[in-house]
């Protein structure tokens, strides 16, 4: 199963984590569920639950001119999040 590296940009901070998934769509769902909001200043458990809900209907957008890299934006609890992620070699 491929490894994906996620870069969450939130309130001027960049938070990096990794998950495995069979596809970009499945990987971002796993990422949202595994997100450690305690390590992210200003993002709480309610925001995480709303993010998990929003991810269900999100289709990751592939970035042009870059292989195996996608982008998504979310607005849980009115908080803007941008997520870039790439399929990573072990």
Protein backbone atom coordinates (compact mmCIF):
# COMPACT_ATOMS: atom_id res chain seq x y z
CA UNK A 1 0.00 0.00 0.00
CA UNK A 2 1.51 3.39 -0.97
CA UNK A 3 2.75 5.84 1.63
CA UNK A 4 1.51 9.46 1.43
CA UNK A 5 3.08 12.49 3.08
CA UNK A 6 0.66 15.26 4.08
CA UNK A 7 1.48 18.94 4.56
CA UNK A 8 -1.27 20.81 6.40
CA UNK A 9 -1.04 24.62 6.22
CA UNK A 10 -3.06 26.18 9.05
CA UNK A 11 -2.72 29.63 10.63
CA UNK A 12 0.87 30.04 9.46
CA UNK A 13 2.00 26.62 10.67
CA UNK A 14 2.92 23.61 8.55
CA UNK A 15 2.08 20.21 10.05
CA UNK A 16 3.54 17.10 8.40
CA UNK A 17 2.29 13.55 8.81
CA UNK A 18 2.17 10.29 6.88
CA UNK A 19 -0.44 7.60 6.24
CA UNK A 20 -0.88 4.68 3.89
CA UNK A 21 -3.73 4.30 1.44
CA UNK A 22 -4.76 2.39 -1.66
CA UNK A 23 -5.48 5.67 -3.49
CA UNK A 24 -5.24 9.43 -2.89
CA UNK A 25 -8.96 9.48 -1.99
CA UNK A 26 -8.55 6.74 0.61
CA UNK A 27 -5.31 8.21 1.93
CA UNK A 28 -6.83 11.61 2.67
CA UNK A 29 -9.71 9.95 4.52
CA UNK A 30 -7.22 7.99 6.65
CA UNK A 31 -5.19 11.15 7.20
CA UNK A 32 -8.21 13.10 8.48
CA UNK A 33 -9.13 10.31 10.90
CA UNK A 34 -5.56 10.03 12.23
CA UNK A 35 -4.94 13.78 12.52
CA UNK A 36 -3.52 14.71 15.94
CA UNK A 37 -5.36 17.98 16.62
CA UNK A 38 -3.66 18.34 20.02
CA UNK A 39 -0.45 19.17 18.12
CA UNK A 40 -2.19 21.85 16.01
CA UNK A 41 -2.75 25.17 17.73
CA UNK A 42 -6.32 26.40 17.13
CA UNK A 43 -7.76 23.15 15.76
CA UNK A 44 -9.89 21.08 18.12
CA UNK A 45 -11.81 17.82 18.15
CA UNK A 46 -15.02 19.41 16.77
CA UNK A 47 -13.05 20.82 13.83
CA UNK A 48 -11.53 17.38 13.25
CA UNK A 49 -14.95 15.72 13.16
CA UNK A 50 -16.20 18.28 10.65
CA UNK A 51 -13.04 17.83 8.59
CA UNK A 52 -13.63 14.05 8.51
CA UNK A 53 -17.15 14.75 7.25
CA UNK A 54 -15.93 17.20 4.58
CA UNK A 55 -13.22 14.82 3.36
CA UNK A 56 -15.89 12.25 2.43
CA UNK A 57 -17.08 14.42 -0.47
CA UNK A 58 -13.71 15.91 -1.46
CA UNK A 59 -11.88 14.90 -4.63
CA UNK A 60 -8.15 15.63 -4.35
CA UNK A 61 -6.92 17.87 -7.18
CA UNK A 62 -3.69 16.73 -8.87
CA UNK A 63 -1.13 19.53 -9.15
CA UNK A 64 -0.03 20.39 -12.67
CA UNK A 65 3.54 19.59 -13.70
CA UNK A 66 4.18 17.61 -10.49
CA UNK A 67 3.94 13.82 -10.25
CA UNK A 68 1.89 12.12 -7.53
CA UNK A 69 0.98 15.33 -5.69
CA UNK A 70 -2.50 16.61 -4.80
CA UNK A 71 -4.16 19.53 -3.06
CA UNK A 72 -7.40 20.00 -1.11
CA UNK A 73 -8.93 22.86 0.84
CA UNK A 74 -11.36 22.61 3.73
CA UNK A 75 -13.33 24.94 5.96
CA UNK A 76 -14.15 23.04 9.18
CA UNK A 77 -15.81 25.26 11.79
CA UNK A 78 -15.02 28.27 9.58
CA UNK A 79 -11.26 27.61 9.76
CA UNK A 80 -9.43 27.55 6.41
CA UNK A 81 -7.11 24.57 5.89
CA UNK A 82 -5.04 23.79 2.82
CA UNK A 83 -3.57 20.33 2.46
CA UNK A 84 -0.94 19.24 -0.04
CA UNK A 85 0.08 15.61 -0.18
CA UNK A 86 2.34 13.45 -2.23
CA UNK A 87 2.79 9.75 -2.77
CA UNK A 88 6.09 8.97 -1.07
CA UNK A 89 8.64 6.21 -1.57
CA UNK A 90 9.51 4.24 1.55
